[in-house]
C-alpha atoms as a PDB file:
ATOM      1  CA  MET A   1      12.119  60.106 -12.148  1.00  0.00           C
ATOM      2  CA  LYS A   2       8.684  61.256 -12.863  1.00  0.00           C
ATOM      3  CA  ARG A   3       7.910  64.482 -11.221  1.00  0.00           C
ATOM      4  CA  ALA A   4       5.125  65.108  -8.901  1.00  0.00           C
ATOM      5  CA  VAL A   5       3.977  68.309  -7.519  1.00  0.00           C
ATOM      6  CA  VAL A   6       2.839  68.562  -3.746  1.00  0.00           C
ATOM      7  CA  ALA A   7       0.401  71.117  -3.342  1.00  0.00           C
ATOM      8  CA  GLY A   8       0.488  72.573   0.423  1.00  0.00           C
ATOM      9  CA  ALA A   9       3.854  70.704   1.042  1.00  0.00           C
ATOM     10  CA  ASP A  10       4.386  72.559   4.308  1.00  0.00           C
ATOM     11  CA  GLY A  11       1.375  71.235   5.946  1.00  0.00           C
ATOM     12  CA  GLY A  12       1.817  67.354   7.684  1.00  0.00           C
ATOM     13  CA  LEU A  13       0.506  65.649   5.408  1.00  0.00           C
ATOM     14  CA  GLY A  14       2.230  67.535   2.370  1.00  0.00           C
ATOM     15  CA  ARG A  15       5.450  67.043   4.411  1.00  0.00           C
ATOM     16  CA  ALA A  16       5.121  63.384   5.111  1.00  0.00           C
ATOM     17  CA  PHE A  17       4.566  63.081   1.396  1.00  0.00           C
ATOM     18  CA  VAL A  18       7.769  64.797   0.608  1.00  0.00           C
ATOM     19  CA  ALA A  19       9.483  62.699   2.601  1.00  0.00           C
ATOM     20  CA  ARG A  20       8.450  59.137   1.863  1.00  0.00           C
ATOM     21  CA  MET A  21       8.702  60.352  -2.382  1.00  0.00           C
ATOM     22  CA  LYS A  22      12.114  62.353  -2.289  1.00  0.00           C
ATOM     23  CA  ALA A  23      14.029  59.351  -3.043  1.00  0.00           C
ATOM     24  CA  SER A  24      12.237  57.990  -6.026  1.00  0.00           C
ATOM     25  CA  TRP A  25      10.505  60.800  -7.469  1.00  0.00           C
ATOM     26  CA  ASP A  26      11.369  64.379  -8.476  1.00  0.00           C
ATOM     27  CA  VAL A  27       9.179  65.964  -6.117  1.00  0.00           C
ATOM     28  CA  VAL A  28       8.417  69.832  -6.124  1.00  0.00           C
ATOM     29  CA  ALA A  29       7.196  71.022  -2.719  1.00  0.00           C
ATOM     30  CA  LEU A  30       5.568  74.040  -3.270  1.00  0.00           C
ATOM     31  CA  SER A  31       4.397  75.730   0.451  1.00  0.00           C
ATOM     32  CA  ARG A  32       1.159  77.766   0.459  1.00  0.00           C
ATOM     33  CA  ASP A  33       3.194  80.959   0.521  1.00  0.00           C
ATOM     34  CA  ALA A  34       4.902  79.357  -2.852  1.00  0.00           C
ATOM     35  CA  LEU A  35       1.452  78.489  -4.407  1.00  0.00           C
ATOM     36  CA  ASP A  36      -1.815  79.862  -3.514  1.00  0.00           C
ATOM     37  CA  VAL A  37      -4.447  77.440  -5.048  1.00  0.00           C
ATOM     38  CA  SER A  38      -6.945  79.688  -4.823  1.00  0.00           C
ATOM     39  CA  ARG A  39      -5.469  81.593  -7.492  1.00  0.00           C
ATOM     40  CA  ARG A  40      -6.692  79.806 -10.973  1.00  0.00           C
ATOM     41  CA  ASN A  41      -3.898  81.683 -13.065  1.00  0.00           C
ATOM     42  CA  ALA A  42      -0.963  81.164 -10.438  1.00  0.00           C
ATOM     43  CA  VAL A  43      -2.059  77.285 -10.494  1.00  0.00           C
ATOM     44  CA  PHE A  44      -2.084  77.296 -13.990  1.00  0.00           C
ATOM     45  CA  GLU A  45       0.815  78.874 -14.955  1.00  0.00           C
ATOM     46  CA  ARG A  46       2.805  77.366 -12.579  1.00  0.00           C
ATOM     47  CA  LEU A  47       1.756  73.530 -13.473  1.00  0.00           C
ATOM     48  CA  ARG A  48       2.387  74.676 -17.555  1.00  0.00           C
ATOM     49  CA  GLU A  49       5.655  75.365 -16.060  1.00  0.00           C
ATOM     50  CA  LEU A  50       6.189  72.009 -14.171  1.00  0.00           C
ATOM     51  CA  ARG A  51       5.018  69.314 -16.490  1.00  0.00           C
ATOM     52  CA  PRO A  52       4.530  67.107 -13.484  1.00  0.00           C
ATOM     53  CA  GLN A  53       2.889  63.459 -14.092  1.00  0.00           C
ATOM     54  CA  LEU A  54       1.156  63.558 -10.326  1.00  0.00           C
ATOM     55  CA  VAL A  55      -0.252  66.747  -8.544  1.00  0.00           C
ATOM     56  CA  ILE A  56      -1.110  66.025  -5.227  1.00  0.00           C
ATOM     57  CA  ASP A  57      -3.556  68.609  -3.271  1.00  0.00           C
ATOM     58  CA  CYS A  58      -2.584  68.967   0.416  1.00  0.00           C
ATOM     59  CA  ALA A  59      -3.512  72.652  -0.095  1.00  0.00           C
ATOM     60  CA  ALA A  60      -6.620  72.258   2.492  1.00  0.00           C
ATOM     61  CA  VAL A  61      -7.794  74.544   5.787  1.00  0.00           C
ATOM     62  CA  THR A  62      -7.886  71.459   7.915  1.00  0.00           C
ATOM     63  CA  ASP A  63      -9.266  73.198  11.206  1.00  0.00           C
ATOM     64  CA  VAL A  64     -12.332  71.862  11.310  1.00  0.00           C
ATOM     65  CA  ASP A  65     -13.566  74.522  13.956  1.00  0.00           C
ATOM     66  CA  LEU A  66     -11.734  77.684  11.946  1.00  0.00           C
ATOM     67  CA  CYS A  67     -13.556  76.558   8.775  1.00  0.00           C
ATOM     68  CA  GLU A  68     -17.186  77.172  10.955  1.00  0.00           C
ATOM     69  CA  THR A  69     -15.899  80.828  11.115  1.00  0.00           C
ATOM     70  CA  ASP A  70     -14.107  81.682   8.168  1.00  0.00           C
ATOM     71  CA  LYS A  71     -16.315  80.081   5.653  1.00  0.00           C
ATOM     72  CA  TRP A  72     -15.324  82.232   2.874  1.00  0.00           C
ATOM     73  CA  ARG A  73     -11.792  80.660   3.421  1.00  0.00           C
ATOM     74  CA  ALA A  74     -12.466  77.187   3.851  1.00  0.00           C
ATOM     75  CA  TYR A  75     -14.745  76.831   0.571  1.00  0.00           C
ATOM     76  CA  LEU A  76     -11.654  78.879  -1.636  1.00  0.00           C
ATOM     77  CA  VAL A  77      -8.829  76.840  -0.714  1.00  0.00           C
ATOM     78  CA  ASN A  78     -10.626  73.516  -0.136  1.00  0.00           C
ATOM     79  CA  ARG A  79     -13.446  73.352  -2.813  1.00  0.00           C
ATOM     80  CA  ASP A  80     -12.328  75.955  -5.486  1.00  0.00           C
ATOM     81  CA  GLY A  81      -8.468  75.464  -5.222  1.00  0.00           C
ATOM     82  CA  ALA A  82      -9.624  71.613  -5.603  1.00  0.00           C
ATOM     83  CA  GLU A  83     -10.822  72.312  -8.851  1.00  0.00           C
ATOM     84  CA  HIS A  84      -8.072  74.925  -9.945  1.00  0.00           C
ATOM     85  CA  LEU A  85      -5.513  71.663  -9.497  1.00  0.00           C
ATOM     86  CA  ALA A  86      -7.664  69.276 -11.491  1.00  0.00           C
ATOM     87  CA  ARG A  87      -8.357  71.480 -13.826  1.00  0.00           C
ATOM     88  CA  ALA A  88      -4.638  72.472 -14.724  1.00  0.00           C
ATOM     89  CA  ALA A  89      -3.690  68.571 -13.907  1.00  0.00           C
ATOM     90  CA  ALA A  90      -5.800  67.865 -16.644  1.00  0.00           C
ATOM     91  CA  GLU A  91      -4.222  70.403 -19.011  1.00  0.00           C
ATOM     92  CA  ALA A  92      -0.826  68.823 -18.174  1.00  0.00           C
ATOM     93  CA  ASP A  93      -1.973  64.920 -18.471  1.00  0.00           C
ATOM     94  CA  ALA A  94      -1.206  64.468 -14.697  1.00  0.00           C
ATOM     95  CA  LEU A  95      -3.213  62.581 -12.314  1.00  0.00           C
ATOM     96  CA  LEU A  96      -4.492  64.376  -9.320  1.00  0.00           C
ATOM     97  CA  LEU A  97      -4.632  62.691  -5.973  1.00  0.00           C
ATOM     98  CA  LEU A  98      -6.430  64.281  -3.462  1.00  0.00           C
ATOM     99  CA  PRO A  99      -6.651  63.361   0.335  1.00  0.00           C
ATOM    100  CA  GLY A 100     -10.138  63.121   1.317  1.00  0.00           C
ATOM    101  CA  CYS A 101     -11.767  62.434   5.040  1.00  0.00           C
ATOM    102  CA  ASP A 102     -14.184  60.889   6.846  1.00  0.00           C
ATOM    103  CA  LEU A 103     -16.002  63.686   8.262  1.00  0.00           C
ATOM    104  CA  ILE A 104     -18.246  63.770   4.768  1.00  0.00           C
ATOM    105  CA  PHE A 105     -20.397  61.204   6.271  1.00  0.00           C
ATOM    106  CA  ASP A 106     -23.182  62.187   9.188  1.00  0.00           C
ATOM    107  CA  GLY A 107     -21.860  59.193  11.080  1.00  0.00           C
ATOM    108  CA  ALA A 108     -25.709  57.329  11.671  1.00  0.00           C
ATOM    109  CA  LYS A 109     -24.209  54.216  10.085  1.00  0.00           C
ATOM    110  CA  SER A 110     -23.456  51.712  12.434  1.00  0.00           C
ATOM    111  CA  LEU A 111     -21.216  49.721  10.314  1.00  0.00           C
ATOM    112  CA  PRO A 112     -18.547  51.309   8.285  1.00  0.00           C
ATOM    113  CA  TYR A 113     -18.782  53.224   5.501  1.00  0.00           C
ATOM    114  CA  ARG A 114     -17.918  52.306   2.263  1.00  0.00           C
ATOM    115  CA  GLU A 115     -16.643  53.913  -0.548  1.00  0.00           C
ATOM    116  CA  GLU A 116     -20.363  54.143  -2.736  1.00  0.00           C
ATOM    117  CA  ASP A 117     -22.320  55.421   0.468  1.00  0.00           C
ATOM    118  CA  SER A 118     -24.474  58.608  -0.019  1.00  0.00           C
ATOM    119  CA  PRO A 119     -21.878  61.412   1.832  1.00  0.00           C
ATOM    120  CA  ASN A 120     -24.116  63.803   4.541  1.00  0.00           C
ATOM    121  CA  PRO A 121     -21.391  66.374   6.118  1.00  0.00           C
ATOM    122  CA  LEU A 122     -22.338  67.747   9.204  1.00  0.00           C
ATOM    123  CA  SER A 123     -20.131  70.683   9.369  1.00  0.00           C
ATOM    124  CA  ILE A 124     -18.929  73.027   6.774  1.00  0.00           C
ATOM    125  CA  TYR A 125     -15.212  71.524   6.518  1.00  0.00           C
ATOM    126  CA  GLY A 126     -16.730  67.980   5.866  1.00  0.00           C
ATOM    127  CA  ASP A 127     -18.746  70.416   3.080  1.00  0.00           C
ATOM    128  CA  THR A 128     -15.724  72.060   1.645  1.00  0.00           C
ATOM    129  CA  LYS A 129     -14.107  68.483   1.292  1.00  0.00           C
ATOM    130  CA  LEU A 130     -17.036  66.585  -0.582  1.00  0.00           C
ATOM    131  CA  ALA A 131     -17.511  69.428  -2.766  1.00  0.00           C
ATOM    132  CA  ALA A 132     -13.601  68.823  -3.401  1.00  0.00           C
ATOM    133  CA  GLU A 133     -14.188  65.806  -4.481  1.00  0.00           C
ATOM    134  CA  LEU A 134     -16.860  66.800  -6.637  1.00  0.00           C
ATOM    135  CA  ALA A 135     -14.869  69.172  -8.564  1.00  0.00           C
ATOM    136  CA  VAL A 136     -11.737  66.571  -8.740  1.00  0.00           C
ATOM    137  CA  MET A 137     -14.203  63.953 -10.320  1.00  0.00           C
ATOM    138  CA  SER A 138     -15.985  66.663 -12.636  1.00  0.00           C
ATOM    139  CA  HIS A 139     -12.823  67.920 -14.193  1.00  0.00           C
ATOM    140  CA  ALA A 140      -9.725  65.529 -13.627  1.00  0.00           C
ATOM    141  CA  PRO A 141     -10.379  62.412 -16.021  1.00  0.00           C
ATOM    142  CA  LYS A 142      -7.290  60.922 -14.396  1.00  0.00           C
ATOM    143  CA  HIS A 143      -7.846  61.035 -10.579  1.00  0.00           C
ATOM    144  CA  LEU A 144      -7.432  59.479  -7.408  1.00  0.00           C
ATOM    145  CA  ILE A 145      -9.490  60.372  -4.028  1.00  0.00           C
ATOM    146  CA  VAL A 146      -7.972  58.953  -1.010  1.00  0.00           C
ATOM    147  CA  ARG A 147     -10.171  59.128   2.113  1.00  0.00           C
ATOM    148  CA  THR A 148      -9.183  58.460   5.423  1.00  0.00           C
ATOM    149  CA  GLY A 149      -9.504  59.120   9.175  1.00  0.00           C
ATOM    150  CA  TRP A 150      -7.477  61.894  11.244  1.00  0.00           C
ATOM    151  CA  LEU A 151      -4.025  61.665  10.799  1.00  0.00           C
ATOM    152  CA  PHE A 152      -1.053  61.617  13.418  1.00  0.00           C
ATOM    153  CA  GLY A 153       2.724  61.631  12.810  1.00  0.00           C
ATOM    154  CA  PRO A 154       5.858  63.706  13.200  1.00  0.00           C
ATOM    155  CA  HIS A 155       4.571  66.428  10.721  1.00  0.00           C
ATOM    156  CA  GLY A 156       2.336  69.336  11.539  1.00  0.00           C
ATOM    157  CA  ARG A 157       0.260  69.634  14.182  1.00  0.00           C
ATOM    158  CA  ASN A 158      -1.674  66.572  15.359  1.00  0.00           C
ATOM    159  CA  LEU A 159      -2.398  64.599  18.574  1.00  0.00           C
ATOM    160  CA  LEU A 160       1.202  62.909  18.575  1.00  0.00           C
ATOM    161  CA  THR A 161       3.123  65.937  18.470  1.00  0.00           C
ATOM    162  CA  GLU A 162       0.733  68.110  20.605  1.00  0.00           C
ATOM    163  CA  ALA A 163       1.154  65.086  23.252  1.00  0.00           C
ATOM    164  CA  LEU A 164       5.321  64.854  22.786  1.00  0.00           C
ATOM    165  CA  GLN A 165       5.167  68.740  23.282  1.00  0.00           C
ATOM    166  CA  ARG A 166       3.047  69.044  26.485  1.00  0.00           C
ATOM    167  CA  ARG A 167       4.948  66.051  27.681  1.00  0.00           C
ATOM    168  CA  GLN A 168       8.212  67.755  27.627  1.00  0.00           C
ATOM    169  CA  ASP A 169       6.622  71.390  29.202  1.00  0.00           C
ATOM    170  CA  GLY A 170       4.888  69.371  32.136  1.00  0.00           C
ATOM    171  CA  ASP A 171       1.324  70.207  30.684  1.00  0.00           C
ATOM    172  CA  ALA A 172      -1.698  68.528  30.227  1.00  0.00           C
ATOM    173  CA  LEU A 173      -3.255  66.545  27.710  1.00  0.00           C
ATOM    174  CA  LEU A 174      -6.925  67.380  26.388  1.00  0.00           C
ATOM    175  CA  ALA A 175      -8.559  65.140  23.784  1.00  0.00           C
ATOM    176  CA  PRO A 176     -11.881  64.721  22.223  1.00  0.00           C
ATOM    177  CA  GLU A 177     -14.300  62.226  23.439  1.00  0.00           C
ATOM    178  CA  GLU A 178     -15.609  61.541  19.794  1.00  0.00           C
ATOM    179  CA  PRO A 179     -15.734  60.659  16.854  1.00  0.00           C
ATOM    180  CA  ILE A 180     -15.300  56.635  16.422  1.00  0.00           C
ATOM    181  CA  GLY A 181     -12.768  56.706  13.748  1.00  0.00           C
ATOM    182  CA  GLN A 182      -9.531  55.668  12.678  1.00  0.00           C
ATOM    183  CA  PRO A 183      -6.107  57.288  13.908  1.00  0.00           C
ATOM    184  CA  CYS A 184      -3.963  57.150  10.738  1.00  0.00           C
ATOM    185  CA  TYR A 185      -0.190  57.164  10.474  1.00  0.00           C
ATOM    186  CA  GLN A 186       0.983  59.497   8.422  1.00  0.00           C
ATOM    187  CA  PRO A 187       3.678  57.923   6.819  1.00  0.00           C
ATOM    188  CA  ASP A 188       1.304  54.329   6.343  1.00  0.00           C
ATOM    189  CA  VAL A 189      -1.112  56.671   4.518  1.00  0.00           C
ATOM    190  CA  VAL A 190       1.287  57.882   2.258  1.00  0.00           C
ATOM    191  CA  ASP A 191       2.753  54.705   1.493  1.00  0.00           C
ATOM    192  CA  ALA A 192      -0.709  53.337   0.591  1.00  0.00           C
ATOM    193  CA  CYS A 193      -1.177  56.360  -1.651  1.00  0.00           C
ATOM    194  CA  LEU A 194       1.902  55.890  -3.542  1.00  0.00           C
ATOM    195  CA  ARG A 195       1.427  52.024  -4.220  1.00  0.00           C
ATOM    196  CA  LEU A 196      -1.828  52.918  -5.473  1.00  0.00           C
ATOM    197  CA  VAL A 197      -0.648  55.512  -7.666  1.00  0.00           C
ATOM    198  CA  MET A 198       2.358  52.832  -8.793  1.00  0.00           C
ATOM    199  CA  GLU A 199      -0.184  50.211  -9.772  1.00  0.00           C
ATOM    200  CA  GLY A 200      -2.008  52.283 -11.816  1.00  0.00           C
ATOM    201  CA  LYS A 201      -5.114  53.027  -9.425  1.00  0.00           C
ATOM    202  CA  THR A 202      -7.792  55.644 -10.215  1.00  0.00           C
ATOM    203  CA  GLY A 203     -10.941  56.413  -8.423  1.00  0.00           C
ATOM    204  CA  LEU A 204     -12.123  56.623  -4.950  1.00  0.00           C
ATOM    205  CA  TRP A 205     -10.587  54.657  -2.290  1.00  0.00           C
ATOM    206  CA  HIS A 206     -10.526  54.380   1.549  1.00  0.00           C
ATOM    207  CA  VAL A 207      -7.137  54.435   2.887  1.00  0.00           C
ATOM    208  CA  ALA A 208      -7.313  53.701   6.998  1.00  0.00           C
ATOM    209  CA  PRO A 209      -5.807  50.655   9.422  1.00  0.00           C
ATOM    210  CA  PRO A 210      -8.810  48.122  10.334  1.00  0.00           C
ATOM    211  CA  ASP A 211      -9.421  49.100  13.995  1.00  0.00           C
ATOM    212  CA  GLY A 212     -10.820  52.366  15.196  1.00  0.00           C
ATOM    213  CA  ALA A 213     -10.693  54.394  18.385  1.00  0.00           C
ATOM    214  CA  THR A 214     -12.091  57.683  19.891  1.00  0.00           C
ATOM    215  CA  PRO A 215      -9.212  60.339  20.403  1.00  0.00           C
ATOM    216  CA  LEU A 216      -9.471  59.723  23.956  1.00  0.00           C
ATOM    217  CA  GLU A 217      -8.850  56.217  23.801  1.00  0.00           C
ATOM    218  CA  PHE A 218      -5.768  56.667  21.272  1.00  0.00           C
ATOM    219  CA  ALA A 219      -4.887  59.816  23.866  1.00  0.00           C
ATOM    220  CA  ARG A 220      -4.718  57.427  26.886  1.00  0.00           C
ATOM    221  CA  GLU A 221      -2.527  54.968  25.011  1.00  0.00           C
ATOM    222  CA  LEU A 222      -0.295  57.253  23.868  1.00  0.00           C
ATOM    223  CA  TRP A 223       0.236  59.614  27.424  1.00  0.00           C
ATOM    224  CA  THR A 224       0.948  55.920  28.826  1.00  0.00           C
ATOM    225  CA  ARG A 225       3.528  55.071  26.385  1.00  0.00           C
ATOM    226  CA  LEU A 226       4.778  58.866  27.103  1.00  0.00           C
ATOM    227  CA  GLY A 227       4.718  57.994  31.032  1.00  0.00           C
ATOM    228  CA  GLY A 228       2.600  60.917  31.182  1.00  0.00           C
ATOM    229  CA  PRO A 229       0.954  61.343  34.671  1.00  0.00           C
ATOM    230  CA  ALA A 230      -2.860  60.103  34.509  1.00  0.00           C
ATOM    231  CA  ASP A 231      -4.193  63.008  36.239  1.00  0.00           C
ATOM    232  CA  ASP A 232      -2.759  65.193  33.344  1.00  0.00           C
ATOM    233  CA  LEU A 233      -4.778  63.265  30.735  1.00  0.00           C
ATOM    234  CA  HIS A 234      -8.665  65.089  30.394  1.00  0.00           C
ATOM    235  CA  MET A 235     -11.482  64.852  28.444  1.00  0.00           C
ATOM    236  CA  LEU A 236     -12.520  67.113  26.072  1.00  0.00           C
ATOM    237  CA  ARG A 237     -16.538  67.183  26.093  1.00  0.00           C
ATOM    238  CA  ARG A 238     -18.458  67.790  22.890  1.00  0.00           C
ATOM    239  CA  GLY A 239     -19.029  71.490  22.349  1.00  0.00           C
ATOM    240  CA  SER A 240     -16.000  72.156  24.339  1.00  0.00           C
ATOM    241  CA  GLY A 241     -12.726  73.571  24.289  1.00  0.00           C
ATOM    242  CA  GLY A 242     -13.616  75.800  21.175  1.00  0.00           C
ATOM    243  CA  ARG A 243     -14.677  72.658  19.102  1.00  0.00           C
ATOM    244  CA  THR A 244     -17.808  74.628  17.284  1.00  0.00           C
ATOM    245  CA  ALA A 245     -18.454  72.774  14.149  1.00  0.00           C
ATOM    246  CA  LEU A 246     -20.577  69.145  14.470  1.00  0.00           C
ATOM    247  CA  ARG A 247     -18.622  65.582  14.129  1.00  0.00           C
ATOM    248  CA  PRO A 248     -20.475  62.839  13.476  1.00  0.00           C
ATOM    249  CA  ARG A 249     -20.421  60.144  16.314  1.00  0.00           C
ATOM    250  CA  TYR A 250     -18.975  57.108  14.322  1.00  0.00           C
ATOM    251  CA  ALA A 251     -16.628  57.715  11.276  1.00  0.00           C
ATOM    252  CA  MET A 252     -15.185  54.110  10.564  1.00  0.00           C
ATOM    253  CA  LEU A 253     -14.038  53.921   6.520  1.00  0.00           C
ATOM    254  CA  ASP A 254     -14.827  50.717   5.165  1.00  0.00           C
ATOM    255  CA  VAL A 255     -11.244  49.282   3.875  1.00  0.00           C
ATOM    256  CA  SER A 256     -12.200  45.896   2.347  1.00  0.00           C
ATOM    257  CA  LYS A 257     -11.794  47.311  -1.255  1.00  0.00           C
ATOM    258  CA  LEU A 258      -8.091  48.293  -0.890  1.00  0.00           C
ATOM    259  CA  GLY A 259      -7.659  44.814   1.154  1.00  0.00           C
ATOM    260  CA  ALA A 260      -8.947  43.156  -1.941  1.00  0.00           C
ATOM    261  CA  GLU A 261      -5.810  44.785  -3.787  1.00  0.00           C
ATOM    262  CA  GLY A 262      -3.472  43.313  -0.929  1.00  0.00           C
ATOM    263  CA  ILE A 263      -2.620  46.169   0.487  1.00  0.00           C
ATOM    264  CA  ARG A 264      -3.326  46.712   4.569  1.00  0.00           C
ATOM    265  CA  LEU A 265      -2.394  49.173   6.850  1.00  0.00           C
ATOM    266  CA  ARG A 266      -0.824  47.729  10.434  1.00  0.00           C
ATOM    267  CA  SER A 267      -3.332  48.566  13.558  1.00  0.00           C
ATOM    268  CA  TRP A 268      -3.096  51.834  14.731  1.00  0.00           C
ATOM    269  CA  ARG A 269      -1.554  50.604  18.127  1.00  0.00           C
ATOM    270  CA  ASP A 270       1.626  49.263  16.520  1.00  0.00           C
ATOM    271  CA  ALA A 271       1.736  52.467  13.997  1.00  0.00           C
ATOM    272  CA  LEU A 272       1.524  54.228  17.545  1.00  0.00           C
ATOM    273  CA  ALA A 273       4.341  52.353  18.963  1.00  0.00           C
ATOM    274  CA  HIS A 274       6.419  52.821  15.929  1.00  0.00           C
ATOM    275  CA  ALA A 275       5.565  56.538  16.263  1.00  0.00           C
ATOM    276  CA  VAL A 276       6.604  57.059  19.829  1.00  0.00           C
ATOM    277  CA  SER A 277       9.607  54.885  19.591  1.00  0.00           C
ATOM    278  CA  ALA A 278      10.955  57.462  16.141  1.00  0.00           C
ATOM    279  CA  SER A 279       9.917  60.175  18.204  1.00  0.00           C
ATOM    280  CA  ALA A 280      12.176  59.018  21.123  1.00  0.00           C
ATOM    281  CA  LEU A 281      14.954  58.374  18.852  1.00  0.00           C
ATOM    282  CA  SER A 282      15.034  61.741  17.601  1.00  0.00           C
ATOM    283  CA  ARG A 283      15.070  63.964  20.575  1.00  0.00           C
END
């Protein structure tokens, strides 16, 4: 088996990678406590010890609003951590896979964003993720940057896991009215990423389903499938609920490059139906 190191393996996406890879890879799952990517020497020492063929950087501060108030940590982990992993991966002759995001764009376009479109992040989080991309491009000759929409799935904190918990507790669910983007099911994103890896693809890719929705539209579909009372679903308006970071109103990613390779994610509604069914079976 080839060896893969997953940094940030205790986060939602990191856990999804580990769960999907453990059958066919020698996966070394490193939590944030096991490897602080902001510590350059620690990153180099660990990768020299492990000698992986693949390094996956899931070690990011992903709370978009927290990044506005803790800028130092956001840049230290998201930007500098990505650079440390990129340099160490290059030394190990490993492929560096960096999950990216749609929030590097400003939403001014009326058509989905292509890989070559110019970024213009509105938030600190978006800026740190763009800086991470640039660091990886600069320091890891073998790199794969995969931008996605907003994630949902069985791992970590997201709209699906929050809705499941709130439905169980009898609490109301709050969902933002924007942006228009692509809800991305964690296992589908991971499977597409791994297929790109296995086919030897590098560079910059958009990986998302073809259809989009606002978080509120997604939450309505989810809440209905869970049988939640309609009165217990509420809109979270722009600037309310502690949401301080600016977000683009439109954040759709063009996935035609991915489709040309024969890789297509199922629609978010189909993925959601599967996720809700799987959650019911696991309870």
